[in-house]
Amino acid sequence: MRCPQHGSQSVGQALATRRIPPAFRPSIKSLDSAPFSRRARHCSRPNAAAVLTALFLTTGVTLAAEAVTSRPPKLTELFRDDVVARGRGVEVKRSQLDEAFVAHRAKLAAMGQPVSPAQRTLLEAQLLRQLIFTQILTNRVLETDRPVASEAAEKHLKEAREQAVSEEAFYRQLKAAGITPERYQQDVIESALAQAVIQRELNSTIGVSDAQVREFYNTGSDVLVRVMQADLEKMVKDPACTPSQLAQLKERIDEVRKANLAHLQQPERVRVSHVFFATRDRKTEEPLLEAQLKLKRQQIEKIRKRALEGEDFSKLVMEFSEDRGLKETKGEYTFTRDDPFAPEFKAAAFSLELGKLSDVVTSTLGYHVIKLLERIPAKKLELDKVAVEVKKFLAQQEAQRAMPEYLARLSKEVGVEILDAKYQTELSADLEPQKR
């Protein structure tokens, strides 16, 4: 027996690699790094080199046939569109995998994460896994799943649009990722249907006791800790495992516990109000001209002066701020040093004395004048305030742990075969394909 090894991911990073749909969105390392995958329980092995098979012209397309029709021939008519995976009710063609790869590569490139040739085969294998399981799961949809999936898809689409600064920006982001709006909507709907099936067939069967919640709250022990502790007990009995390996795993267990307990600590927070002037056009998101920037700077400095002279700052916020969420927030925000706010904004907010105004702060978003309304000290959250979230987190971990076996069982039921040899090694543990 080989001595098990564990990576150095934080618990959040480790679990994120095995999120259930709609997170069938693989990262380059997700197959090897997931703590509850079968492969993670053994020593790692090198990946096979990424070698693309050549595409050959089909004999059925001739110049004469092309001359008969006025439309340009499709790529699938010019090139072989081989089936790369199949099973009962499942068929993934090369064109589908290529389309998924191109879109995902464009998305990664937009985030500054280019795909190297050495990574291509592994990424394609992960995308193939996604396509296979999406088909398997959507084939299992019941009528009762559709309303649940529809609601989830609508919520996802709404949130995606709201996160973009404008409708135009949303569509630009899709274009940059190589995805059409129609394709994006279809992917979201399919993912929501798959998630609804998983919720009904797997998640609904998982229970977490109050004792487990209390143990997490008091000691930081979760599903991942219990898995590693079980491995540690096996390693102690295994003469092949060295003292340093035992020490490393013990250290990893302690790190996960400490990270879990840290999540129960509410860090120092500040509650602020601010006047905001954007330095980009609100429709196009293009930078404003120098003269426009100068005028806005003068305007916000005048507002700051009025506040210093005694005018009600909250009224000035509501009258002048260009914050898109002004109606909902009244210009007020509560956040920690780690929350995703502009660094310049956070630095100014945390440096203020209670009730004081900042100078004009320039961020990548625009100009701000900030007032500190409240400073909230760090503390450990009470159990009754976190119990629901802790139970949800532990249930998600249990679902992620059960996911590989669940998906492998579904794959076996429909007899999935991987027909392209270069993906068989990468997916054998997940799919258990039948030999041809």
Protein backbone atom coordinates (compact mmCIF):
# COMPACT_ATOMS: atom_id res chain seq x y z
CA MET A 1 0.00 0.00 0.00
CA ARG A 2 1.35 3.41 -0.91
CA CYS A 3 1.34 6.09 1.73
CA PRO A 4 -1.50 8.62 1.07
CA GLN A 5 -0.57 12.16 0.31
CA HIS A 6 -2.54 15.36 0.82
CA GLY A 7 -2.08 18.69 -0.92
CA SER A 8 -1.56 22.09 0.66
CA GLN A 9 -4.86 23.72 -0.37
CA SER A 10 -6.99 25.55 2.18
CA VAL A 11 -10.26 23.83 2.98
CA GLY A 12 -12.16 26.37 0.92
CA GLN A 13 -9.90 25.90 -2.10
CA ALA A 14 -9.95 22.14 -1.77
CA LEU A 15 -13.71 21.93 -1.56
CA ALA A 16 -14.21 24.46 -4.34
CA THR A 17 -12.68 22.04 -6.83
CA ARG A 18 -15.51 19.57 -6.27
CA ARG A 19 -18.51 21.86 -6.26
CA ILE A 20 -21.53 20.31 -7.81
CA PRO A 21 -23.23 21.79 -10.88
CA PRO A 22 -23.54 24.54 -11.95
CA ALA A 23 -19.86 24.35 -11.06
CA PHE A 24 -19.11 21.76 -13.73
CA ARG A 25 -16.50 24.42 -14.61
CA PRO A 26 -13.18 22.65 -14.19
CA SER A 27 -9.94 24.35 -13.33
CA ILE A 28 -6.72 22.97 -14.77
CA LYS A 29 -5.95 21.02 -11.57
CA SER A 30 -9.42 20.09 -10.38
CA LEU A 31 -9.22 16.37 -11.15
CA ASP A 32 -5.98 15.89 -9.22
CA SER A 33 -6.54 18.28 -6.34
CA ALA A 34 -10.03 17.38 -5.13
CA PRO A 35 -9.70 15.89 -1.62
CA PHE A 36 -12.66 13.54 -1.98
CA SER A 37 -11.84 12.24 -5.48
CA ARG A 38 -10.50 8.72 -5.76
CA ARG A 39 -7.24 9.94 -7.21
CA ALA A 40 -6.52 12.26 -4.27
CA ARG A 41 -6.22 9.31 -1.94
CA HIS A 42 -3.07 8.07 -3.70
CA CYS A 43 0.27 9.44 -4.75
CA SER A 44 0.14 11.64 -7.85
CA ARG A 45 1.26 10.48 -11.27
CA PRO A 46 2.45 12.44 -14.30
CA ASN A 47 -0.14 13.46 -16.92
CA ALA A 48 0.05 12.09 -20.43
CA ALA A 49 1.37 14.49 -23.06
CA ALA A 50 -1.25 16.49 -24.91
CA VAL A 51 -1.35 15.15 -28.47
CA LEU A 52 -4.20 16.17 -30.78
CA THR A 53 -5.43 13.63 -33.29
CA ALA A 54 -5.57 14.92 -36.86
CA LEU A 55 -8.90 15.70 -38.53
CA PHE A 56 -9.38 14.13 -41.97
CA LEU A 57 -11.57 15.25 -44.84
CA THR A 58 -14.63 13.10 -45.33
CA THR A 59 -15.09 11.40 -48.66
CA GLY A 60 -18.74 12.46 -48.87
CA VAL A 61 -17.96 16.14 -49.57
CA THR A 62 -16.89 16.97 -53.11
CA LEU A 63 -16.50 20.10 -55.18
CA ALA A 64 -19.53 19.08 -57.18
CA ALA A 65 -21.65 18.72 -54.08
CA GLU A 66 -20.48 22.12 -52.86
CA ALA A 67 -21.40 23.70 -56.19
CA VAL A 68 -24.99 22.46 -55.95
CA THR A 69 -25.78 24.42 -52.80
CA SER A 70 -25.55 28.15 -52.25
CA ARG A 71 -24.72 27.95 -48.54
CA PRO A 72 -21.18 27.53 -47.23
CA PRO A 73 -20.50 23.99 -46.04
CA LYS A 74 -20.43 23.40 -42.29
CA LEU A 75 -17.19 22.31 -40.65
CA THR A 76 -18.84 19.04 -39.66
CA GLU A 77 -19.50 18.40 -43.36
CA LEU A 78 -15.87 19.05 -44.29
CA PHE A 79 -14.22 17.28 -41.37
CA ARG A 80 -14.91 14.07 -39.54
CA ASP A 81 -17.00 14.65 -36.43
CA ASP A 82 -16.00 11.60 -34.47
CA VAL A 83 -17.86 10.48 -31.37
CA VAL A 84 -15.44 10.75 -28.43
CA ALA A 85 -17.77 9.34 -25.75
CA ARG A 86 -21.03 7.43 -25.78
CA GLY A 87 -23.46 5.47 -23.68
CA ARG A 88 -27.20 4.84 -23.52
CA GLY A 89 -28.70 8.27 -24.13
CA VAL A 90 -25.21 9.84 -24.14
CA GLU A 91 -23.18 10.95 -27.14
CA VAL A 92 -20.43 13.57 -27.18
CA LYS A 93 -18.92 14.46 -30.55
CA ARG A 94 -15.56 15.99 -31.28
CA SER A 95 -17.23 19.22 -32.45
CA GLN A 96 -18.98 19.61 -29.08
CA LEU A 97 -15.74 19.10 -27.18
CA ASP A 98 -13.86 21.49 -29.48
CA GLU A 99 -16.55 24.13 -29.01
CA ALA A 100 -16.39 23.74 -25.22
CA PHE A 101 -12.59 23.94 -25.27
CA VAL A 102 -12.48 27.07 -27.43
CA ALA A 103 -15.04 28.82 -25.21
CA HIS A 104 -13.29 27.80 -21.98
CA ARG A 105 -9.86 28.74 -23.33
CA ALA A 106 -11.20 32.18 -24.28
CA LYS A 107 -12.68 32.58 -20.80
CA LEU A 108 -9.37 31.67 -19.16
CA ALA A 109 -7.48 33.99 -21.52
CA ALA A 110 -9.81 36.85 -20.57
CA MET A 111 -8.78 36.24 -16.94
CA GLY A 112 -5.09 36.18 -17.86
CA GLN A 113 -4.78 32.39 -17.59
CA PRO A 114 -3.59 31.04 -20.96
CA VAL A 115 -3.76 27.29 -21.58
CA SER A 116 -0.39 25.76 -22.40
CA PRO A 117 -0.10 22.84 -24.86
CA ALA A 118 0.85 20.57 -21.95
CA GLN A 119 -2.42 21.39 -20.19
CA ARG A 120 -4.71 20.91 -23.16
CA THR A 121 -5.41 17.17 -22.88
CA LEU A 122 -6.20 17.41 -19.18
CA LEU A 123 -8.50 20.40 -19.71
CA GLU A 124 -10.24 18.67 -22.61
CA ALA A 125 -10.72 15.57 -20.43
CA GLN A 126 -12.31 17.70 -17.73
CA LEU A 127 -14.60 19.38 -20.25
CA LEU A 128 -15.51 15.96 -21.69
CA ARG A 129 -16.40 14.83 -18.18
CA GLN A 130 -18.63 17.89 -17.86
CA LEU A 131 -20.41 17.19 -21.15
CA ILE A 132 -20.94 13.53 -20.29
CA PHE A 133 -22.38 14.13 -16.84
CA THR A 134 -24.54 17.01 -18.02
CA GLN A 135 -26.16 14.66 -20.55
CA ILE A 136 -26.54 11.86 -18.01
CA LEU A 137 -28.12 14.13 -15.42
CA THR A 138 -30.42 16.02 -17.78
CA ASN A 139 -31.66 12.65 -19.07
CA ARG A 140 -32.82 11.94 -15.49
CA VAL A 141 -34.87 15.12 -15.13
CA LEU A 142 -38.41 14.71 -13.82
CA GLU A 143 -41.23 17.19 -14.33
CA THR A 144 -40.94 18.12 -10.65
CA ASP A 145 -37.32 19.18 -11.26
CA ARG A 146 -38.19 21.74 -13.94
CA PRO A 147 -39.76 24.48 -11.77
CA VAL A 148 -36.82 24.26 -9.35
CA ALA A 149 -34.31 24.47 -12.21
CA SER A 150 -36.18 27.31 -13.88
CA GLU A 151 -36.12 29.40 -10.72
CA ALA A 152 -32.41 28.72 -10.18
CA ALA A 153 -31.55 29.56 -13.80
CA GLU A 154 -33.50 32.81 -13.71
CA LYS A 155 -31.77 33.80 -10.48
CA HIS A 156 -28.35 32.99 -11.92
CA LEU A 157 -28.99 34.95 -15.12
CA LYS A 158 -30.28 37.93 -13.17
CA GLU A 159 -27.28 37.95 -10.82
CA ALA A 160 -24.86 37.63 -13.74
CA ARG A 161 -26.38 40.68 -15.42
CA GLU A 162 -26.42 42.65 -12.17
CA GLN A 163 -22.75 41.92 -11.53
CA ALA A 164 -21.88 43.49 -14.88
CA VAL A 165 -21.73 47.29 -14.84
CA SER A 166 -24.25 47.44 -17.72
CA GLU A 167 -26.15 45.26 -20.18
CA GLU A 168 -23.63 46.17 -22.86
CA ALA A 169 -20.74 45.21 -20.60
CA PHE A 170 -22.41 41.87 -19.86
CA TYR A 171 -22.59 41.01 -23.55
CA ARG A 172 -18.99 42.19 -24.09
CA GLN A 173 -17.86 39.80 -21.37
CA LEU A 174 -19.66 36.92 -23.07
CA LYS A 175 -18.13 37.84 -26.42
CA ALA A 176 -14.65 38.03 -24.90
CA ALA A 177 -15.19 34.53 -23.51
CA GLY A 178 -16.29 33.27 -26.94
CA ILE A 179 -19.87 32.55 -25.82
CA THR A 180 -23.08 33.70 -27.50
CA PRO A 181 -25.94 34.89 -25.24
CA GLU A 182 -28.06 31.99 -26.48
CA ARG A 183 -25.34 29.47 -25.69
CA TYR A 184 -24.77 31.00 -22.26
CA GLN A 185 -28.47 30.80 -21.43
CA GLN A 186 -28.65 27.20 -22.63
CA ASP A 187 -25.63 26.25 -20.49
CA VAL A 188 -27.18 27.89 -17.42
CA ILE A 189 -30.48 26.07 -17.95
CA GLU A 190 -28.77 22.68 -18.47
CA SER A 191 -26.62 23.25 -15.40
CA ALA A 192 -29.68 24.15 -13.32
CA LEU A 193 -31.48 21.00 -14.48
CA ALA A 194 -28.45 18.88 -13.59
CA GLN A 195 -28.27 20.54 -10.18
CA ALA A 196 -31.96 19.87 -9.57
CA VAL A 197 -31.41 16.16 -10.26
CA ILE A 198 -28.43 16.05 -7.90
CA GLN A 199 -30.43 17.85 -5.23
CA ARG A 200 -33.25 15.32 -5.49
CA GLU A 201 -31.17 12.15 -5.85
CA LEU A 202 -28.12 12.90 -3.70
CA ASN A 203 -28.24 16.06 -1.58
CA SER A 204 -31.69 15.35 -0.16
CA THR A 205 -30.40 12.05 1.27
CA ILE A 206 -27.61 13.71 3.29
CA GLY A 207 -28.15 14.68 6.92
CA VAL A 208 -25.95 16.57 9.36
CA SER A 209 -26.54 16.22 13.12
CA ASP A 210 -26.48 18.99 15.71
CA ALA A 211 -23.56 17.16 17.34
CA GLN A 212 -21.52 17.53 14.13
CA VAL A 213 -22.33 21.24 14.04
CA ARG A 214 -21.19 21.68 17.67
CA GLU A 215 -18.00 19.71 16.99
CA PHE A 216 -17.20 21.99 14.07
CA TYR A 217 -17.91 25.07 16.20
CA ASN A 218 -15.76 23.90 19.12
CA THR A 219 -12.86 22.13 17.39
CA GLY A 220 -13.01 23.01 13.68
CA SER A 221 -13.46 19.35 12.72
CA ASP A 222 -15.29 18.81 9.44
CA VAL A 223 -15.65 16.04 6.85
CA LEU A 224 -12.20 16.71 5.41
CA VAL A 225 -10.61 16.50 8.87
CA ARG A 226 -12.32 13.17 9.55
CA VAL A 227 -11.13 11.80 6.21
CA MET A 228 -7.55 12.86 6.92
CA GLN A 229 -7.71 11.47 10.47
CA ALA A 230 -8.81 8.11 9.09
CA ASP A 231 -5.88 8.22 6.67
CA LEU A 232 -3.56 9.13 9.53
CA GLU A 233 -4.64 6.05 11.48
CA LYS A 234 -3.85 3.86 8.46
CA MET A 235 -0.51 5.57 7.94
CA VAL A 236 0.52 4.96 11.56
CA LYS A 237 0.13 1.22 10.93
CA ASP A 238 1.91 1.34 7.59
CA PRO A 239 5.69 0.77 7.86
CA ALA A 240 6.18 2.44 4.45
CA CYS A 241 5.10 5.81 5.85
CA THR A 242 7.88 7.93 7.29
CA PRO A 243 7.71 10.13 10.42
CA SER A 244 7.92 13.23 8.24
CA GLN A 245 4.85 12.12 6.25
CA LEU A 246 2.92 11.58 9.47
CA ALA A 247 4.01 14.98 10.74
CA GLN A 248 2.97 16.65 7.49
CA LEU A 249 -0.52 15.15 7.62
CA LYS A 250 -0.93 16.09 11.29
CA GLU A 251 0.10 19.63 10.41
CA ARG A 252 -2.40 19.67 7.54
CA ILE A 253 -5.20 18.53 9.87
CA ASP A 254 -4.34 21.33 12.30
CA GLU A 255 -4.29 23.87 9.46
CA VAL A 256 -7.77 22.87 8.29
CA ARG A 257 -9.15 23.05 11.83
CA LYS A 258 -7.62 26.47 12.39
CA ALA A 259 -8.97 27.70 9.04
CA ASN A 260 -12.47 26.47 9.94
CA LEU A 261 -12.35 28.16 13.34
CA ALA A 262 -11.10 31.34 11.70
CA HIS A 263 -14.26 31.40 9.57
CA LEU A 264 -16.27 31.58 12.79
CA GLN A 265 -14.40 34.71 13.77
CA GLN A 266 -16.05 37.89 12.60
CA PRO A 267 -13.11 40.18 11.74
CA GLU A 268 -13.08 43.88 12.48
CA ARG A 269 -15.56 45.72 10.29
CA VAL A 270 -16.36 49.31 9.49
CA ARG A 271 -19.67 50.87 8.51
CA VAL A 272 -19.25 53.86 6.24
CA SER A 273 -21.24 56.24 4.08
CA HIS A 274 -19.78 57.80 0.96
CA VAL A 275 -20.39 60.20 -1.90
CA PHE A 276 -19.22 58.66 -5.16
CA PHE A 277 -18.51 60.24 -8.55
CA ALA A 278 -17.70 57.83 -11.40
CA THR A 279 -14.68 58.55 -13.59
CA ARG A 280 -15.97 56.36 -16.40
CA ASP A 281 -18.96 56.81 -18.67
CA ARG A 282 -21.86 54.94 -17.03
CA LYS A 283 -23.07 53.49 -20.35
CA THR A 284 -19.87 52.66 -22.22
CA GLU A 285 -17.47 52.32 -19.25
CA GLU A 286 -14.93 54.32 -21.24
CA PRO A 287 -12.71 56.72 -19.20
CA LEU A 288 -13.98 60.30 -19.06
CA LEU A 289 -12.10 63.09 -20.77
CA GLU A 290 -9.59 65.13 -18.77
CA ALA A 291 -11.88 68.16 -18.67
CA GLN A 292 -14.75 66.02 -17.35
CA LEU A 293 -12.52 64.52 -14.67
CA LYS A 294 -11.39 67.96 -13.57
CA LEU A 295 -15.00 69.16 -13.28
CA LYS A 296 -16.03 66.11 -11.25
CA ARG A 297 -13.07 66.54 -8.93
CA GLN A 298 -14.07 70.13 -8.29
CA GLN A 299 -17.68 69.11 -7.64
CA ILE A 300 -16.85 66.42 -5.08
CA GLU A 301 -14.42 68.74 -3.30
CA LYS A 302 -17.23 71.30 -2.96
CA ILE A 303 -19.53 68.61 -1.50
CA ARG A 304 -16.83 67.65 1.00
CA LYS A 305 -16.46 71.29 2.01
CA ARG A 306 -20.21 71.60 2.56
CA ALA A 307 -20.15 68.53 4.80
CA LEU A 308 -17.22 69.92 6.80
CA GLU A 309 -19.17 73.14 7.27
CA GLY A 310 -21.98 71.22 8.93
CA GLU A 311 -24.42 70.06 6.24
CA ASP A 312 -26.06 66.66 6.76
CA PHE A 313 -23.71 64.21 5.03
CA SER A 314 -26.46 61.60 4.50
CA LYS A 315 -28.54 64.16 2.59
CA LEU A 316 -25.54 65.11 0.46
CA VAL A 317 -25.02 61.41 -0.32
CA MET A 318 -28.61 60.93 -1.46
CA GLU A 319 -28.54 64.14 -3.52
CA PHE A 320 -25.22 63.84 -5.30
CA SER A 321 -23.76 60.30 -5.16
CA GLU A 322 -23.59 58.35 -8.44
CA ASP A 323 -23.51 54.96 -6.71
CA ARG A 324 -25.65 52.55 -8.76
CA GLY A 325 -26.96 50.90 -5.60
CA LEU A 326 -27.85 54.16 -3.87
CA LYS A 327 -31.59 53.44 -3.58
CA GLU A 328 -30.96 50.15 -1.81
CA THR A 329 -27.91 51.05 0.30
CA LYS A 330 -28.43 54.79 0.96
CA GLY A 331 -24.72 54.99 0.29
CA GLU A 332 -23.81 52.88 3.34
CA TYR A 333 -21.56 49.83 3.35
CA THR A 334 -20.26 47.50 6.07
CA PHE A 335 -17.15 45.46 5.25
CA THR A 336 -13.93 43.88 6.49
CA ARG A 337 -10.39 44.40 5.27
CA ASP A 338 -10.73 41.25 3.14
CA ASP A 339 -14.00 42.10 1.42
CA PRO A 340 -13.88 42.84 -2.33
CA PHE A 341 -13.87 46.64 -2.24
CA ALA A 342 -11.40 48.92 -4.00
CA PRO A 343 -8.12 48.86 -2.02
CA GLU A 344 -7.94 52.67 -1.87
CA PHE A 345 -11.50 52.81 -0.54
CA LYS A 346 -10.83 50.20 2.17
CA ALA A 347 -7.53 51.77 3.23
CA ALA A 348 -9.16 55.18 3.67
CA ALA A 349 -12.17 53.77 5.53
CA PHE A 350 -10.12 51.82 8.07
CA SER A 351 -7.78 54.77 8.69
CA LEU A 352 -10.60 57.17 9.66
CA GLU A 353 -11.61 58.19 13.16
CA LEU A 354 -15.24 57.73 14.12
CA GLY A 355 -17.46 60.41 12.60
CA LYS A 356 -14.65 61.92 10.51
CA LEU A 357 -14.56 62.58 6.76
CA SER A 358 -11.83 61.40 4.41
CA ASP A 359 -10.07 63.52 1.85
CA VAL A 360 -11.18 62.90 -1.72
CA VAL A 361 -10.14 59.31 -2.41
CA THR A 362 -9.34 58.24 -5.98
CA SER A 363 -9.93 54.60 -6.88
CA THR A 364 -10.17 52.71 -10.16
CA LEU A 365 -13.93 53.33 -9.99
CA GLY A 366 -13.94 57.07 -9.34
CA TYR A 367 -13.81 59.70 -6.60
CA HIS A 368 -15.05 59.07 -3.06
CA VAL A 369 -15.62 61.09 0.09
CA ILE A 370 -16.05 58.66 2.99
CA LYS A 371 -17.47 59.10 6.48
CA LEU A 372 -16.84 56.51 9.20
CA LEU A 373 -20.13 55.74 10.94
CA GLU A 374 -19.15 52.75 13.07
CA ARG A 375 -16.15 50.54 13.88
CA ILE A 376 -17.18 46.98 14.81
CA PRO A 377 -14.57 44.95 16.78
CA ALA A 378 -13.61 41.37 15.86
CA LYS A 379 -15.32 38.55 17.78
CA LYS A 380 -16.32 34.89 17.53
CA LEU A 381 -19.86 34.54 16.25
CA GLU A 382 -22.41 32.89 18.52
CA LEU A 383 -23.31 29.28 17.68
CA ASP A 384 -26.98 30.04 17.06
CA LYS A 385 -26.02 32.66 14.48
CA VAL A 386 -23.81 30.32 12.46
CA ALA A 387 -25.46 26.92 13.03
CA VAL A 388 -27.51 27.03 9.82
CA GLU A 389 -24.54 27.99 7.67
CA VAL A 390 -22.28 25.43 9.37
CA LYS A 391 -24.85 22.69 8.77
CA LYS A 392 -25.14 23.75 5.13
CA PHE A 393 -21.35 23.72 4.76
CA LEU A 394 -20.99 20.26 6.29
CA ALA A 395 -23.83 18.93 4.12
CA GLN A 396 -22.10 20.36 1.04
CA GLN A 397 -18.88 18.61 2.08
CA GLU A 398 -20.72 15.31 2.50
CA ALA A 399 -22.29 15.77 -0.93
CA GLN A 400 -18.91 16.51 -2.48
CA ARG A 401 -17.47 13.44 -0.82
CA ALA A 402 -20.29 11.28 -2.17
CA MET A 403 -20.26 12.89 -5.62
CA PRO A 404 -17.55 10.77 -7.31
CA GLU A 405 -19.26 7.48 -6.38
CA TYR A 406 -22.67 8.87 -7.33
CA LEU A 407 -21.52 10.02 -10.78
CA ALA A 408 -19.51 6.85 -11.37
CA ARG A 409 -22.62 4.78 -10.59
CA LEU A 410 -24.70 6.77 -13.08
CA SER A 411 -21.93 6.41 -15.66
CA LYS A 412 -21.86 2.65 -15.15
CA GLU A 413 -25.66 2.42 -15.44
CA VAL A 414 -25.62 3.94 -18.93
CA GLY A 415 -22.42 2.17 -19.98
CA VAL A 416 -20.29 5.21 -20.79
CA GLU A 417 -17.36 4.48 -23.12
CA ILE A 418 -14.49 6.87 -23.79
CA LEU A 419 -13.62 6.29 -27.43
CA ASP A 420 -10.61 8.60 -27.67
CA ALA A 421 -7.69 6.82 -26.02
CA LYS A 422 -5.96 9.99 -24.81
CA TYR A 423 -8.83 10.75 -22.41
CA GLN A 424 -9.26 7.24 -21.03
CA THR A 425 -6.48 7.47 -18.45
CA GLU A 426 -7.61 10.85 -17.16
CA LEU A 427 -11.25 9.82 -16.80
CA SER A 428 -11.00 6.17 -15.84
CA ALA A 429 -11.42 6.82 -12.10
CA ASP A 430 -14.41 9.12 -12.65
CA LEU A 431 -16.27 7.23 -15.35
CA GLU A 432 -15.11 3.61 -15.19
CA PRO A 433 -15.63 3.25 -18.96
CA GLN A 434 -16.39 -0.20 -20.32
CA LYS A 435 -13.76 -1.73 -22.55
CA ARG A 436 -14.70 -1.90 -26.19
